[in-house]
Each structure stands twice: as structure tokens, then as C-alpha cells.
Amino acid sequence: MQPLSVFPEILFLAPFAAFLIRIALAILLGYCAWKHLTNADKTVRTLGFIEGVVATALALGTWTQPAAIAGMFIIGAWFALPRLRAVALGTALLAFVMCLIVIRTCVC
């Protein structure tokens, strides 16, 4: 019995989905860290440093689930304090969902 799929020839890429989501999230957090580290405010620079650490952990694949949970807290700070948000609201919402996916599909 064949699975129902529109493009069954690309099902071999399924194991790479979590990897690609993790890398995309790391790139987004790295970008935000870079933007925040150029700011003069000490609070924003501290957040940028934490974002950089989480982005590095996600990119390297070390402590993936704790890094994704930390990413959710960082994104929650973006929602609570809009001046900390370096990306659009829709991008932040998508990043939050990506953190949930990384936590759910992590193969640690």
C-alpha cells in the first residue's frame, strides 16, 4: 500500500526536515543577535548575547531541546516588549512555531 502523497518521489527528504527547520531557526536568531549586539542599550545587548548562544547551540545541534525552549522564551520576550523585536511580528510567530516543531521532533 502506497502512502497518500502529492509528490511521493521527495519523501526521502523527510528526515532532513527537522534539520532544516533547526538551521533556519538558528539563522533567524543569529540575525537578531547581530542586530541587538549593535545596539547601545545594555539590556538589548544582553538579549543579543543570549540569542547568539542559543543560535550557536541550534546550529551545532548541541542541547537542541533546551536551546529551542530558550528560543521560545526569547521570542516570548519579543512579544512582551516590542522594542526588543528585530523582525516582523509574523516572522516572530513563525519562529515560535518552529521552536515547537524542534522540541517535538528532536532526535536526541
N, C-alpha and C. Protein backbone atom coordinates (compact mmCIF):
# COMPACT_ATOMS: atom_id res chain seq x y z
N MET A 1 0.84 -1.17 0.00
CA MET A 1 0.00 0.00 0.00
C MET A 1 0.89 1.24 0.00
N GLN A 2 0.63 2.16 -0.88
CA GLN A 2 1.43 3.36 -1.01
C GLN A 2 0.81 4.48 -0.17
N PRO A 3 1.65 5.31 0.48
CA PRO A 3 1.12 6.42 1.25
C PRO A 3 0.55 7.49 0.32
N LEU A 4 -0.45 8.19 0.83
CA LEU A 4 -1.07 9.26 0.06
C LEU A 4 -0.15 10.48 0.10
N SER A 5 0.43 10.84 -1.02
CA SER A 5 1.32 11.98 -1.10
C SER A 5 1.24 12.57 -2.50
N VAL A 6 1.27 13.89 -2.57
CA VAL A 6 1.21 14.56 -3.86
C VAL A 6 2.51 14.34 -4.63
N PHE A 7 3.63 14.40 -3.91
CA PHE A 7 4.94 14.20 -4.51
C PHE A 7 5.66 13.05 -3.79
N PRO A 8 5.31 11.81 -4.09
CA PRO A 8 5.93 10.70 -3.36
C PRO A 8 7.42 10.55 -3.62
N GLU A 9 7.92 11.12 -4.71
CA GLU A 9 9.34 10.97 -5.02
C GLU A 9 10.24 11.80 -4.10
N ILE A 10 9.67 12.74 -3.34
CA ILE A 10 10.51 13.53 -2.43
C ILE A 10 10.36 13.10 -0.98
N LEU A 11 9.72 11.99 -0.71
CA LEU A 11 9.56 11.52 0.66
C LEU A 11 10.89 11.14 1.29
N PHE A 12 11.91 10.88 0.51
CA PHE A 12 13.21 10.54 1.07
C PHE A 12 13.83 11.74 1.81
N LEU A 13 13.32 12.93 1.59
CA LEU A 13 13.83 14.13 2.26
C LEU A 13 13.21 14.36 3.64
N ALA A 14 12.26 13.54 4.05
CA ALA A 14 11.57 13.73 5.33
C ALA A 14 12.53 13.78 6.52
N PRO A 15 13.56 12.95 6.60
CA PRO A 15 14.45 13.05 7.77
C PRO A 15 15.22 14.38 7.86
N PHE A 16 15.35 15.09 6.76
CA PHE A 16 16.07 16.35 6.76
C PHE A 16 15.21 17.53 7.19
N ALA A 17 13.91 17.33 7.36
CA ALA A 17 13.01 18.43 7.68
C ALA A 17 13.36 19.07 9.02
N ALA A 18 13.55 18.26 10.05
CA ALA A 18 13.88 18.82 11.36
C ALA A 18 15.22 19.54 11.33
N PHE A 19 16.17 19.00 10.58
CA PHE A 19 17.47 19.63 10.45
C PHE A 19 17.33 21.01 9.79
N LEU A 20 16.58 21.10 8.72
CA LEU A 20 16.41 22.36 8.01
C LEU A 20 15.67 23.40 8.86
N ILE A 21 14.67 22.95 9.63
CA ILE A 21 13.95 23.87 10.50
C ILE A 21 14.87 24.39 11.59
N ARG A 22 15.70 23.51 12.15
CA ARG A 22 16.65 23.90 13.20
C ARG A 22 17.66 24.91 12.66
N ILE A 23 18.17 24.69 11.46
CA ILE A 23 19.14 25.60 10.86
C ILE A 23 18.48 26.95 10.54
N ALA A 24 17.25 26.93 10.02
CA ALA A 24 16.55 28.19 9.72
C ALA A 24 16.31 28.99 11.00
N LEU A 25 15.96 28.32 12.08
CA LEU A 25 15.76 28.99 13.35
C LEU A 25 17.08 29.57 13.88
N ALA A 26 18.16 28.83 13.71
CA ALA A 26 19.47 29.32 14.14
C ALA A 26 19.87 30.56 13.33
N ILE A 27 19.61 30.56 12.04
CA ILE A 27 19.92 31.72 11.20
C ILE A 27 19.11 32.94 11.65
N LEU A 28 17.83 32.74 11.93
CA LEU A 28 16.98 33.84 12.37
C LEU A 28 17.46 34.41 13.71
N LEU A 29 17.75 33.54 14.67
CA LEU A 29 18.22 34.02 15.97
C LEU A 29 19.60 34.66 15.85
N GLY A 30 20.44 34.14 14.97
CA GLY A 30 21.75 34.76 14.74
C GLY A 30 21.61 36.15 14.15
N TYR A 31 20.68 36.32 13.23
CA TYR A 31 20.43 37.65 12.65
C TYR A 31 19.96 38.63 13.72
N CYS A 32 19.03 38.18 14.55
CA CYS A 32 18.52 39.05 15.62
C CYS A 32 19.62 39.37 16.63
N ALA A 33 20.47 38.39 16.93
CA ALA A 33 21.58 38.63 17.84
C ALA A 33 22.52 39.69 17.27
N TRP A 34 22.82 39.59 15.98
CA TRP A 34 23.69 40.57 15.33
C TRP A 34 23.09 41.96 15.40
N LYS A 35 21.77 42.07 15.14
CA LYS A 35 21.10 43.37 15.20
C LYS A 35 21.11 43.92 16.62
N HIS A 36 20.90 43.05 17.62
CA HIS A 36 20.85 43.51 19.00
C HIS A 36 22.23 43.86 19.56
N LEU A 37 23.26 43.18 19.11
CA LEU A 37 24.60 43.46 19.62
C LEU A 37 25.14 44.80 19.13
N THR A 38 24.57 45.35 18.07
CA THR A 38 24.99 46.67 17.58
C THR A 38 24.27 47.81 18.29
N ASN A 39 23.33 47.47 19.18
CA ASN A 39 22.57 48.48 19.91
C ASN A 39 23.37 48.98 21.11
N ALA A 40 23.13 50.22 21.53
CA ALA A 40 23.87 50.80 22.65
C ALA A 40 23.28 50.41 24.01
N ASP A 41 22.01 50.02 24.04
CA ASP A 41 21.34 49.68 25.30
C ASP A 41 21.89 48.36 25.85
N LYS A 42 22.21 48.35 27.15
CA LYS A 42 22.82 47.16 27.76
C LYS A 42 21.85 45.98 27.80
N THR A 43 20.58 46.24 28.05
CA THR A 43 19.59 45.17 28.10
C THR A 43 19.45 44.49 26.75
N VAL A 44 19.41 45.29 25.71
CA VAL A 44 19.27 44.75 24.35
C VAL A 44 20.53 43.97 23.97
N ARG A 45 21.70 44.47 24.36
CA ARG A 45 22.95 43.75 24.07
C ARG A 45 23.01 42.42 24.80
N THR A 46 22.51 42.38 26.04
CA THR A 46 22.47 41.13 26.79
C THR A 46 21.56 40.12 26.10
N LEU A 47 20.40 40.60 25.66
CA LEU A 47 19.50 39.72 24.92
C LEU A 47 20.17 39.22 23.64
N GLY A 48 20.90 40.09 22.98
CA GLY A 48 21.62 39.70 21.77
C GLY A 48 22.65 38.62 22.04
N PHE A 49 23.35 38.72 23.17
CA PHE A 49 24.32 37.69 23.53
C PHE A 49 23.63 36.35 23.77
N ILE A 50 22.51 36.38 24.48
CA ILE A 50 21.77 35.14 24.75
C ILE A 50 21.24 34.56 23.44
N GLU A 51 20.74 35.41 22.56
CA GLU A 51 20.28 34.93 21.26
C GLU A 51 21.42 34.28 20.48
N GLY A 52 22.60 34.86 20.56
CA GLY A 52 23.75 34.29 19.87
C GLY A 52 24.13 32.92 20.41
N VAL A 53 24.07 32.76 21.73
CA VAL A 53 24.39 31.46 22.34
C VAL A 53 23.36 30.41 21.91
N VAL A 54 22.08 30.78 21.92
CA VAL A 54 21.03 29.84 21.52
C VAL A 54 21.16 29.51 20.03
N ALA A 55 21.46 30.51 19.21
CA ALA A 55 21.63 30.27 17.77
C ALA A 55 22.79 29.33 17.51
N THR A 56 23.88 29.51 18.25
CA THR A 56 25.04 28.63 18.09
C THR A 56 24.70 27.20 18.49
N ALA A 57 23.99 27.05 19.61
CA ALA A 57 23.61 25.71 20.06
C ALA A 57 22.70 25.03 19.05
N LEU A 58 21.77 25.78 18.47
CA LEU A 58 20.87 25.19 17.47
C LEU A 58 21.63 24.83 16.19
N ALA A 59 22.54 25.69 15.78
CA ALA A 59 23.29 25.43 14.56
C ALA A 59 24.19 24.21 14.71
N LEU A 60 24.79 24.05 15.88
CA LEU A 60 25.68 22.91 16.10
C LEU A 60 24.93 21.64 16.47
N GLY A 61 23.67 21.78 16.86
CA GLY A 61 22.88 20.61 17.24
C GLY A 61 23.15 20.12 18.65
N THR A 62 23.76 20.96 19.48
CA THR A 62 24.02 20.59 20.87
C THR A 62 22.91 21.11 21.76
N TRP A 63 22.40 20.26 22.61
CA TRP A 63 21.32 20.61 23.53
C TRP A 63 20.17 21.26 22.76
N THR A 64 19.68 20.55 21.78
CA THR A 64 18.70 21.12 20.86
C THR A 64 17.39 21.48 21.55
N GLN A 65 16.86 20.57 22.35
CA GLN A 65 15.60 20.88 23.01
C GLN A 65 15.71 22.01 24.02
N PRO A 66 16.73 22.03 24.91
CA PRO A 66 16.84 23.20 25.79
C PRO A 66 17.07 24.50 25.02
N ALA A 67 17.80 24.44 23.92
CA ALA A 67 18.01 25.64 23.11
C ALA A 67 16.70 26.11 22.49
N ALA A 68 15.87 25.17 22.04
CA ALA A 68 14.57 25.56 21.47
C ALA A 68 13.65 26.13 22.54
N ILE A 69 13.72 25.59 23.75
CA ILE A 69 12.91 26.14 24.85
C ILE A 69 13.40 27.56 25.19
N ALA A 70 14.71 27.75 25.22
CA ALA A 70 15.26 29.09 25.45
C ALA A 70 14.84 30.03 24.32
N GLY A 71 14.82 29.51 23.09
CA GLY A 71 14.35 30.31 21.97
C GLY A 71 12.90 30.73 22.13
N MET A 72 12.08 29.85 22.68
CA MET A 72 10.68 30.22 22.93
C MET A 72 10.58 31.34 23.95
N PHE A 73 11.43 31.30 24.99
CA PHE A 73 11.43 32.38 25.98
C PHE A 73 11.92 33.69 25.36
N ILE A 74 12.90 33.61 24.50
CA ILE A 74 13.40 34.81 23.82
C ILE A 74 12.30 35.40 22.94
N ILE A 75 11.64 34.55 22.20
CA ILE A 75 10.57 35.04 21.32
C ILE A 75 9.41 35.58 22.15
N GLY A 76 9.16 34.96 23.31
CA GLY A 76 8.16 35.50 24.23
C GLY A 76 8.52 36.90 24.70
N ALA A 77 9.83 37.14 24.92
CA ALA A 77 10.28 38.49 25.28
C ALA A 77 10.04 39.45 24.12
N TRP A 78 10.20 38.97 22.90
CA TRP A 78 9.91 39.83 21.74
C TRP A 78 8.44 40.22 21.72
N PHE A 79 7.56 39.29 22.09
CA PHE A 79 6.13 39.60 22.11
C PHE A 79 5.79 40.57 23.25
N ALA A 80 6.42 40.36 24.42
CA ALA A 80 6.11 41.19 25.58
C ALA A 80 6.65 42.62 25.43
N LEU A 81 7.83 42.73 24.86
CA LEU A 81 8.46 44.04 24.68
C LEU A 81 8.79 44.24 23.19
N PRO A 82 7.90 44.87 22.46
CA PRO A 82 8.11 45.02 21.01
C PRO A 82 9.40 45.74 20.63
N ARG A 83 9.98 46.54 21.52
CA ARG A 83 11.24 47.23 21.18
C ARG A 83 12.39 46.24 21.07
N LEU A 84 12.23 45.04 21.62
CA LEU A 84 13.28 44.01 21.53
C LEU A 84 13.20 43.20 20.25
N ARG A 85 12.09 43.34 19.53
CA ARG A 85 11.88 42.53 18.34
C ARG A 85 12.61 43.13 17.15
N ALA A 86 13.51 42.34 16.55
CA ALA A 86 14.29 42.81 15.40
C ALA A 86 13.70 42.35 14.07
N VAL A 87 12.63 41.56 14.13
CA VAL A 87 11.99 41.04 12.92
C VAL A 87 10.49 41.36 12.99
N ALA A 88 9.80 41.14 11.90
CA ALA A 88 8.36 41.40 11.85
C ALA A 88 7.61 40.45 12.78
N LEU A 89 6.40 40.84 13.15
CA LEU A 89 5.59 40.03 14.07
C LEU A 89 5.29 38.65 13.48
N GLY A 90 4.99 38.60 12.19
CA GLY A 90 4.72 37.32 11.55
C GLY A 90 5.92 36.39 11.56
N THR A 91 7.10 36.97 11.40
CA THR A 91 8.32 36.17 11.46
C THR A 91 8.55 35.65 12.86
N ALA A 92 8.24 36.46 13.86
CA ALA A 92 8.38 36.01 15.25
C ALA A 92 7.39 34.88 15.56
N LEU A 93 6.18 35.00 15.06
CA LEU A 93 5.19 33.92 15.27
C LEU A 93 5.65 32.63 14.60
N LEU A 94 6.16 32.74 13.39
CA LEU A 94 6.67 31.57 12.68
C LEU A 94 7.85 30.96 13.43
N ALA A 95 8.72 31.79 13.98
CA ALA A 95 9.87 31.28 14.75
C ALA A 95 9.39 30.56 16.00
N PHE A 96 8.33 31.05 16.63
CA PHE A 96 7.78 30.37 17.81
C PHE A 96 7.28 28.98 17.44
N VAL A 97 6.58 28.88 16.32
CA VAL A 97 6.10 27.58 15.86
C VAL A 97 7.27 26.67 15.49
N MET A 98 8.30 27.24 14.90
CA MET A 98 9.49 26.44 14.57
C MET A 98 10.15 25.89 15.83
N CYS A 99 10.17 26.68 16.91
CA CYS A 99 10.70 26.18 18.18
C CYS A 99 9.88 25.00 18.68
N LEU A 100 8.56 25.11 18.58
CA LEU A 100 7.70 23.99 18.98
C LEU A 100 7.98 22.74 18.16
N ILE A 101 8.19 22.92 16.86
CA ILE A 101 8.48 21.78 15.99
C ILE A 101 9.81 21.15 16.35
N VAL A 102 10.82 21.98 16.63
CA VAL A 102 12.13 21.44 17.00
C VAL A 102 12.03 20.65 18.31
N ILE A 103 11.26 21.16 19.26
CA ILE A 103 11.09 20.44 20.53
C ILE A 103 10.39 19.11 20.29
N ARG A 104 9.39 19.10 19.45
CA ARG A 104 8.59 17.89 19.21
C ARG A 104 9.34 16.84 18.39
N THR A 105 10.14 17.28 17.42
CA THR A 105 10.77 16.31 16.51
C THR A 105 12.24 16.04 16.82
N CYS A 106 12.72 16.55 17.93
CA CYS A 106 14.14 16.38 18.25
C CYS A 106 14.48 14.91 18.44
N VAL A 107 15.55 14.47 17.80
CA VAL A 107 16.03 13.10 17.93
C VAL A 107 17.33 13.19 18.71
N CYS A 108 17.21 13.28 20.03
CA CYS A 108 18.40 13.47 20.86
C CYS A 108 18.90 12.15 21.43
